[in-house]
C-alpha atoms as a PDB file:
ATOM      1  CA  UNK A   1       5.703  -6.142  -7.817  1.00  0.00           C
ATOM      2  CA  UNK A   2       2.303  -5.544  -6.402  1.00  0.00           C
ATOM      3  CA  UNK A   3      -0.760  -6.073  -7.761  1.00  0.00           C
ATOM      4  CA  UNK A   4      -3.983  -4.545  -6.331  1.00  0.00           C
ATOM      5  CA  UNK A   5      -8.298  -5.351  -6.641  1.00  0.00           C
ATOM      6  CA  UNK A   6      -9.426  -2.499  -9.054  1.00  0.00           C
ATOM      7  CA  UNK A   7     -13.053  -0.805  -9.278  1.00  0.00           C
ATOM      8  CA  UNK A   8     -14.796  -2.531 -12.254  1.00  0.00           C
ATOM      9  CA  UNK A   9     -13.134  -6.557 -11.743  1.00  0.00           C
ATOM     10  CA  UNK A  10     -10.000  -4.779 -12.790  1.00  0.00           C
ATOM     11  CA  UNK A  11      -6.406  -4.354 -11.273  1.00  0.00           C
ATOM     12  CA  UNK A  12      -3.219  -1.989 -11.069  1.00  0.00           C
ATOM     13  CA  UNK A  13       0.052  -3.484 -11.064  1.00  0.00           C
ATOM     14  CA  UNK A  14       3.701  -2.139  -9.905  1.00  0.00           C
ATOM     15  CA  UNK A  15       7.427  -1.834  -9.007  1.00  0.00           C
ATOM     16  CA  UNK A  16       8.506  -0.921  -5.374  1.00  0.00           C
ATOM     17  CA  UNK A  17      11.587  -0.753  -4.086  1.00  0.00           C
ATOM     18  CA  UNK A  18      12.402  -1.389  -0.898  1.00  0.00           C
ATOM     19  CA  UNK A  19      14.309   1.340   1.039  1.00  0.00           C
ATOM     20  CA  UNK A  20      14.423   0.642   4.837  1.00  0.00           C
ATOM     21  CA  UNK A  21      15.109  -3.004   6.177  1.00  0.00           C
ATOM     22  CA  UNK A  22      14.889  -4.162   9.965  1.00  0.00           C
ATOM     23  CA  UNK A  23      14.291  -7.585  10.636  1.00  0.00           C
ATOM     24  CA  UNK A  24      11.357  -8.899  13.241  1.00  0.00           C
ATOM     25  CA  UNK A  25      10.596  -4.585  12.595  1.00  0.00           C
ATOM     26  CA  UNK A  26       9.786  -2.825   9.566  1.00  0.00           C
ATOM     27  CA  UNK A  27       9.947  -2.748   6.467  1.00  0.00           C
ATOM     28  CA  UNK A  28       9.413   0.406   4.110  1.00  0.00           C
ATOM     29  CA  UNK A  29       9.517   1.131  -0.182  1.00  0.00           C
ATOM     30  CA  UNK A  30       8.237   3.167  -2.654  1.00  0.00           C
ATOM     31  CA  UNK A  31       7.137   2.459  -6.057  1.00  0.00           C
ATOM     32  CA  UNK A  32       9.608   3.983  -8.366  1.00  0.00           C
ATOM     33  CA  UNK A  33       9.718   5.916 -11.183  1.00  0.00           C
ATOM     34  CA  UNK A  34       6.713   4.923 -13.828  1.00  0.00           C
ATOM     35  CA  UNK A  35       4.638   2.948 -11.589  1.00  0.00           C
ATOM     36  CA  UNK A  36       0.342   3.366 -12.168  1.00  0.00           C
ATOM     37  CA  UNK A  37      -0.296   4.049  -9.272  1.00  0.00           C
ATOM     38  CA  UNK A  38       2.635   6.285  -7.010  1.00  0.00           C
ATOM     39  CA  UNK A  39       2.811   5.153  -3.946  1.00  0.00           C
ATOM     40  CA  UNK A  40       4.940   4.642  -0.028  1.00  0.00           C
ATOM     41  CA  UNK A  41       4.916   3.321   3.265  1.00  0.00           C
ATOM     42  CA  UNK A  42       5.640   0.596   5.628  1.00  0.00           C
ATOM     43  CA  UNK A  43       5.131  -1.719   7.658  1.00  0.00           C
ATOM     44  CA  UNK A  44       5.614  -2.407  11.745  1.00  0.00           C
ATOM     45  CA  UNK A  45       5.203  -5.286  13.699  1.00  0.00           C
ATOM     46  CA  UNK A  46       5.444  -5.062  18.099  1.00  0.00           C
ATOM     47  CA  UNK A  47       5.180  -8.091  19.655  1.00  0.00           C
ATOM     48  CA  UNK A  48       2.472  -7.892  22.156  1.00  0.00           C
ATOM     49  CA  UNK A  49       2.805  -7.891  25.917  1.00  0.00           C
ATOM     50  CA  UNK A  50       0.839 -11.606  25.115  1.00  0.00           C
ATOM     51  CA  UNK A  51       1.685 -14.220  22.478  1.00  0.00           C
ATOM     52  CA  UNK A  52       0.508 -12.422  18.912  1.00  0.00           C
ATOM     53  CA  UNK A  53       1.926  -9.093  16.747  1.00  0.00           C
ATOM     54  CA  UNK A  54       1.150  -5.775  16.967  1.00  0.00           C
ATOM     55  CA  UNK A  55       1.532  -4.851  12.837  1.00  0.00           C
ATOM     56  CA  UNK A  56       1.117  -1.340  12.212  1.00  0.00           C
ATOM     57  CA  UNK A  57       0.525   0.072   8.419  1.00  0.00           C
ATOM     58  CA  UNK A  58       0.917   3.154   6.376  1.00  0.00           C
ATOM     59  CA  UNK A  59       0.768   3.433   2.941  1.00  0.00           C
ATOM     60  CA  UNK A  60       0.136   6.847   0.271  1.00  0.00           C
ATOM     61  CA  UNK A  61      -0.388   6.289  -2.969  1.00  0.00           C
ATOM     62  CA  UNK A  62      -2.013   8.789  -5.612  1.00  0.00           C
ATOM     63  CA  UNK A  63      -5.625   7.077  -7.244  1.00  0.00           C
ATOM     64  CA  UNK A  64      -5.389   7.291 -10.830  1.00  0.00           C
ATOM     65  CA  UNK A  65      -7.569   9.967 -11.759  1.00  0.00           C
ATOM     66  CA  UNK A  66      -6.123  11.929  -8.650  1.00  0.00           C
ATOM     67  CA  UNK A  67      -9.650  12.602  -6.453  1.00  0.00           C
ATOM     68  CA  UNK A  68     -12.543  11.669  -8.699  1.00  0.00           C
ATOM     69  CA  UNK A  69     -10.397   8.424  -8.869  1.00  0.00           C
ATOM     70  CA  UNK A  70     -10.439   7.742  -5.947  1.00  0.00           C
ATOM     71  CA  UNK A  71     -14.241   8.832  -4.865  1.00  0.00           C
ATOM     72  CA  UNK A  72     -14.982   6.013  -7.543  1.00  0.00           C
ATOM     73  CA  UNK A  73     -12.357   3.002  -5.548  1.00  0.00           C
ATOM     74  CA  UNK A  74     -14.481   4.308  -2.464  1.00  0.00           C
ATOM     75  CA  UNK A  75     -17.682   3.987  -3.910  1.00  0.00           C
ATOM     76  CA  UNK A  76     -16.217   0.221  -5.722  1.00  0.00           C
ATOM     77  CA  UNK A  77     -14.920  -0.548  -2.180  1.00  0.00           C
ATOM     78  CA  UNK A  78     -11.562  -0.679  -3.246  1.00  0.00           C
ATOM     79  CA  UNK A  79     -10.228   2.631  -2.079  1.00  0.00           C
ATOM     80  CA  UNK A  80      -7.006   1.243   0.726  1.00  0.00           C
ATOM     81  CA  UNK A  81      -8.422   4.533   3.162  1.00  0.00           C
END
């Protein structure tokens, strides 16, 4: 279950399912049908040459109200790009 901030002090919520999981390497997901924000993505974890971990994240989503919704979210600092 995910919950994210949205413009004007609101929030959106949705459920997702894991589509790929490699322990300590990668996890991928997609939202389930009927979600407020259809989305999918993945997170990868890679050890660095020195102490630490590099984290890469990729997310795709369909903003409510299409591009207009994305613009409004960007104006309020809530657009994930």
